Amino acid sequence: MDIAIEVKNLNHNFKDKIICDNMNIKFEKNKIYGLLGKNGVGKSTLINIITNQLLC
């Protein structure tokens, strides 16, 4: 498995809401991924953290 991005033990809160709670995820090279979920569950926040647009 060739890993492009790995997130380990990510925690992030917004005000009093837990967005990421000890999240672990690996993205392999040469694969396409999609994030699914309801509004407000942290999809965009995860992408912003991974791309350094939002600091933890």
C-alpha atoms as a PDB file:
ATOM      1  CA  MET A   1       0.000   0.000   0.000  1.00  0.00           C
ATOM      2  CA  ASP A   2       1.511   3.337  -1.103  1.00  0.00           C
ATOM      3  CA  ILE A   3       0.215   6.092   1.214  1.00  0.00           C
ATOM      4  CA  ALA A   4      -0.135   9.671  -0.097  1.00  0.00           C
ATOM      5  CA  ILE A   5      -1.667  11.244   3.035  1.00  0.00           C
ATOM      6  CA  GLU A   6      -2.044   9.849   6.532  1.00  0.00           C
ATOM      7  CA  VAL A   7      -3.949  11.515   9.370  1.00  0.00           C
ATOM      8  CA  LYS A   8      -3.329  10.202  12.891  1.00  0.00           C
ATOM      9  CA  ASN A   9      -5.261  11.024  16.053  1.00  0.00           C
ATOM     10  CA  LEU A  10      -6.863  14.198  14.667  1.00  0.00           C
ATOM     11  CA  ASN A  11      -8.982  16.135  17.155  1.00  0.00           C
ATOM     12  CA  HIS A  12     -10.776  19.359  16.290  1.00  0.00           C
ATOM     13  CA  ASN A  13     -13.543  21.328  18.007  1.00  0.00           C
ATOM     14  CA  PHE A  14     -15.567  24.267  16.759  1.00  0.00           C
ATOM     15  CA  LYS A  15     -16.992  26.204  19.684  1.00  0.00           C
ATOM     16  CA  ASP A  16     -18.668  23.463  21.765  1.00  0.00           C
ATOM     17  CA  LYS A  17     -19.095  20.978  18.885  1.00  0.00           C
ATOM     18  CA  ILE A  18     -16.642  18.099  18.343  1.00  0.00           C
ATOM     19  CA  ILE A  19     -15.835  17.947  14.622  1.00  0.00           C
ATOM     20  CA  CYS A  20     -13.058  15.322  14.570  1.00  0.00           C
ATOM     21  CA  ASP A  21     -12.639  12.963  17.514  1.00  0.00           C
ATOM     22  CA  ASN A  22      -9.391  10.966  17.394  1.00  0.00           C
ATOM     23  CA  MET A  23      -9.719  10.486  13.604  1.00  0.00           C
ATOM     24  CA  ASN A  24      -7.331   8.174  11.758  1.00  0.00           C
ATOM     25  CA  ILE A  25      -7.459   7.901   7.965  1.00  0.00           C
ATOM     26  CA  LYS A  26      -5.100   6.924   5.137  1.00  0.00           C
ATOM     27  CA  PHE A  27      -5.352   8.020   1.511  1.00  0.00           C
ATOM     28  CA  GLU A  28      -3.531   5.781  -0.953  1.00  0.00           C
ATOM     29  CA  LYS A  29      -1.758   7.103  -4.041  1.00  0.00           C
ATOM     30  CA  ASN A  30      -3.528   6.740  -7.403  1.00  0.00           C
ATOM     31  CA  LYS A  31      -6.987   6.316  -5.821  1.00  0.00           C
ATOM     32  CA  ILE A  32     -10.013   8.592  -5.835  1.00  0.00           C
ATOM     33  CA  TYR A  33     -11.886   9.245  -2.581  1.00  0.00           C
ATOM     34  CA  GLY A  34     -15.144  10.929  -1.696  1.00  0.00           C
ATOM     35  CA  LEU A  35     -16.366  12.236   1.634  1.00  0.00           C
ATOM     36  CA  LEU A  36     -20.030  11.679   2.373  1.00  0.00           C
ATOM     37  CA  GLY A  37     -22.095  12.957   5.257  1.00  0.00           C
ATOM     38  CA  LYS A  38     -24.786  15.339   6.413  1.00  0.00           C
ATOM     39  CA  ASN A  39     -24.349  19.097   6.559  1.00  0.00           C
ATOM     40  CA  GLY A  40     -22.144  20.235   9.409  1.00  0.00           C
ATOM     41  CA  VAL A  41     -20.380  16.956  10.200  1.00  0.00           C
ATOM     42  CA  GLY A  42     -16.879  18.174   9.267  1.00  0.00           C
ATOM     43  CA  LYS A  43     -16.212  17.184   5.637  1.00  0.00           C
ATOM     44  CA  SER A  44     -14.928  20.606   4.592  1.00  0.00           C
ATOM     45  CA  THR A  45     -13.140  21.052   7.910  1.00  0.00           C
ATOM     46  CA  LEU A  46     -11.200  17.813   7.341  1.00  0.00           C
ATOM     47  CA  ILE A  47     -10.134  18.943   3.856  1.00  0.00           C
ATOM     48  CA  ASN A  48      -9.136  22.383   5.194  1.00  0.00           C
ATOM     49  CA  ILE A  49      -7.019  20.807   7.944  1.00  0.00           C
ATOM     50  CA  ILE A  50      -5.314  18.401   5.524  1.00  0.00           C
ATOM     51  CA  THR A  51      -4.484  21.241   3.100  1.00  0.00           C
ATOM     52  CA  ASN A  52      -3.254  23.531   5.927  1.00  0.00           C
ATOM     53  CA  GLN A  53      -5.987  26.104   5.323  1.00  0.00           C
ATOM     54  CA  LEU A  54      -7.195  25.531   8.899  1.00  0.00           C
ATOM     55  CA  LEU A  55      -4.766  24.904  11.721  1.00  0.00           C
ATOM     56  CA  CYS A  56      -5.626  22.539  14.571  1.00  0.00           C
END
